[in-house]
């Protein structure tokens, strides 16, 4: 198919993008929390680790899971597209 939208590829690409964004957000929360950059007194949105809403391990696990989802979807997308874009 030339010129048309291939929905399966679009959805896989969207999943990769969303999973990477989620992974980066969790990783940022984790590292800021364990390094003490974010504290419970910070101004702005509540941070999971700094506020104690989630343990550092749980946030790191969520980040790793999101990376794994992005990787699996990315590999599936690469297989679907093939070596030539």
C-alpha atoms as a PDB file:
ATOM      1  CA  UNK A   1       0.000   0.000   0.000  1.00  0.00           C
ATOM      2  CA  UNK A   2       1.490   3.341  -1.044  1.00  0.00           C
ATOM      3  CA  UNK A   3       0.380   6.703   0.230  1.00  0.00           C
ATOM      4  CA  UNK A   4      -2.238   5.462   2.678  1.00  0.00           C
ATOM      5  CA  UNK A   5      -2.223   5.222   6.419  1.00  0.00           C
ATOM      6  CA  UNK A   6      -1.491   1.740   7.732  1.00  0.00           C
ATOM      7  CA  UNK A   7      -3.358   1.744  11.023  1.00  0.00           C
ATOM      8  CA  UNK A   8      -1.429  -1.105  12.623  1.00  0.00           C
ATOM      9  CA  UNK A   9       1.873   0.696  12.048  1.00  0.00           C
ATOM     10  CA  UNK A  10       0.423   3.995  13.218  1.00  0.00           C
ATOM     11  CA  UNK A  11      -0.869   2.418  16.430  1.00  0.00           C
ATOM     12  CA  UNK A  12       2.445   0.669  17.092  1.00  0.00           C
ATOM     13  CA  UNK A  13       4.329   3.940  16.577  1.00  0.00           C
ATOM     14  CA  UNK A  14       1.897   5.708  18.895  1.00  0.00           C
ATOM     15  CA  UNK A  15       2.383   3.004  21.527  1.00  0.00           C
ATOM     16  CA  UNK A  16       6.166   3.356  21.270  1.00  0.00           C
ATOM     17  CA  UNK A  17       5.958   7.136  21.664  1.00  0.00           C
ATOM     18  CA  UNK A  18       3.571   6.970  24.614  1.00  0.00           C
ATOM     19  CA  UNK A  19       5.501   4.226  26.391  1.00  0.00           C
ATOM     20  CA  UNK A  20       8.786   6.114  26.005  1.00  0.00           C
ATOM     21  CA  UNK A  21       7.173   9.281  27.392  1.00  0.00           C
ATOM     22  CA  UNK A  22       5.742   7.383  30.361  1.00  0.00           C
ATOM     23  CA  UNK A  23       9.118   5.708  30.987  1.00  0.00           C
ATOM     24  CA  UNK A  24      10.943   9.039  30.964  1.00  0.00           C
ATOM     25  CA  UNK A  25       8.394  10.598  33.323  1.00  0.00           C
ATOM     26  CA  UNK A  26       8.701   7.728  35.805  1.00  0.00           C
ATOM     27  CA  UNK A  27      12.505   7.726  35.531  1.00  0.00           C
ATOM     28  CA  UNK A  28      12.588  11.478  36.177  1.00  0.00           C
ATOM     29  CA  UNK A  29      10.360  11.069  39.226  1.00  0.00           C
ATOM     30  CA  UNK A  30      12.505   8.208  40.507  1.00  0.00           C
ATOM     31  CA  UNK A  31      15.879   9.911  40.117  1.00  0.00           C
ATOM     32  CA  UNK A  32      14.687  13.283  41.415  1.00  0.00           C
ATOM     33  CA  UNK A  33      13.174  11.535  44.431  1.00  0.00           C
ATOM     34  CA  UNK A  34      16.150   9.365  45.366  1.00  0.00           C
ATOM     35  CA  UNK A  35      18.649  12.204  44.829  1.00  0.00           C
ATOM     36  CA  UNK A  36      16.602  14.573  46.946  1.00  0.00           C
ATOM     37  CA  UNK A  37      16.012  17.073  44.141  1.00  0.00           C
ATOM     38  CA  UNK A  38      12.264  16.889  44.714  1.00  0.00           C
ATOM     39  CA  UNK A  39      10.916  17.144  48.235  1.00  0.00           C
ATOM     40  CA  UNK A  40       7.414  16.980  49.646  1.00  0.00           C
ATOM     41  CA  UNK A  41       7.552  20.788  49.968  1.00  0.00           C
ATOM     42  CA  UNK A  42       8.145  21.444  46.252  1.00  0.00           C
ATOM     43  CA  UNK A  43       5.802  23.749  44.375  1.00  0.00           C
ATOM     44  CA  UNK A  44       3.988  22.093  41.493  1.00  0.00           C
ATOM     45  CA  UNK A  45       2.528  18.696  40.765  1.00  0.00           C
ATOM     46  CA  UNK A  46       2.881  16.008  43.410  1.00  0.00           C
ATOM     47  CA  UNK A  47       5.797  13.662  42.788  1.00  0.00           C
ATOM     48  CA  UNK A  48       5.338   9.984  43.566  1.00  0.00           C
ATOM     49  CA  UNK A  49       8.629   9.283  45.311  1.00  0.00           C
ATOM     50  CA  UNK A  50       9.118  12.640  47.047  1.00  0.00           C
ATOM     51  CA  UNK A  51       5.596  12.651  48.463  1.00  0.00           C
ATOM     52  CA  UNK A  52       5.730   9.023  49.548  1.00  0.00           C
ATOM     53  CA  UNK A  53       2.778   8.019  47.352  1.00  0.00           C
ATOM     54  CA  UNK A  54       4.940   5.274  45.826  1.00  0.00           C
ATOM     55  CA  UNK A  55       8.204   3.637  46.792  1.00  0.00           C
ATOM     56  CA  UNK A  56      11.303   4.277  44.680  1.00  0.00           C
ATOM     57  CA  UNK A  57      11.328   0.597  43.747  1.00  0.00           C
ATOM     58  CA  UNK A  58       7.728   0.730  42.479  1.00  0.00           C
ATOM     59  CA  UNK A  59       8.448   3.815  40.370  1.00  0.00           C
ATOM     60  CA  UNK A  60      11.650   2.277  38.959  1.00  0.00           C
ATOM     61  CA  UNK A  61       9.705  -0.895  38.136  1.00  0.00           C
ATOM     62  CA  UNK A  62       7.028   1.140  36.358  1.00  0.00           C
ATOM     63  CA  UNK A  63       9.737   2.905  34.333  1.00  0.00           C
ATOM     64  CA  UNK A  64      11.325  -0.417  33.375  1.00  0.00           C
ATOM     65  CA  UNK A  65       7.957  -1.866  32.399  1.00  0.00           C
ATOM     66  CA  UNK A  66       7.227   1.127  30.175  1.00  0.00           C
ATOM     67  CA  UNK A  67      10.655   0.732  28.520  1.00  0.00           C
ATOM     68  CA  UNK A  68       9.914  -2.958  27.914  1.00  0.00           C
ATOM     69  CA  UNK A  69       6.550  -2.113  26.339  1.00  0.00           C
ATOM     70  CA  UNK A  70       8.220   0.472  24.099  1.00  0.00           C
ATOM     71  CA  UNK A  71      10.899  -2.025  23.095  1.00  0.00           C
ATOM     72  CA  UNK A  72       8.452  -4.797  22.225  1.00  0.00           C
ATOM     73  CA  UNK A  73       6.217  -2.431  20.257  1.00  0.00           C
ATOM     74  CA  UNK A  74       9.270  -0.940  18.536  1.00  0.00           C
ATOM     75  CA  UNK A  75      10.541  -4.350  17.490  1.00  0.00           C
ATOM     76  CA  UNK A  76       7.074  -5.285  16.219  1.00  0.00           C
ATOM     77  CA  UNK A  77       6.975  -2.037  14.250  1.00  0.00           C
ATOM     78  CA  UNK A  78      10.438  -2.674  12.787  1.00  0.00           C
ATOM     79  CA  UNK A  79       9.391  -6.166  11.714  1.00  0.00           C
ATOM     80  CA  UNK A  80       6.162  -4.829  10.184  1.00  0.00           C
ATOM     81  CA  UNK A  81       7.934  -2.084   8.249  1.00  0.00           C
ATOM     82  CA  UNK A  82      10.951  -4.095   7.186  1.00  0.00           C
ATOM     83  CA  UNK A  83      14.490  -2.881   6.545  1.00  0.00           C
ATOM     84  CA  UNK A  84      13.439  -0.299   3.964  1.00  0.00           C
ATOM     85  CA  UNK A  85      11.302   2.612   5.070  1.00  0.00           C
END
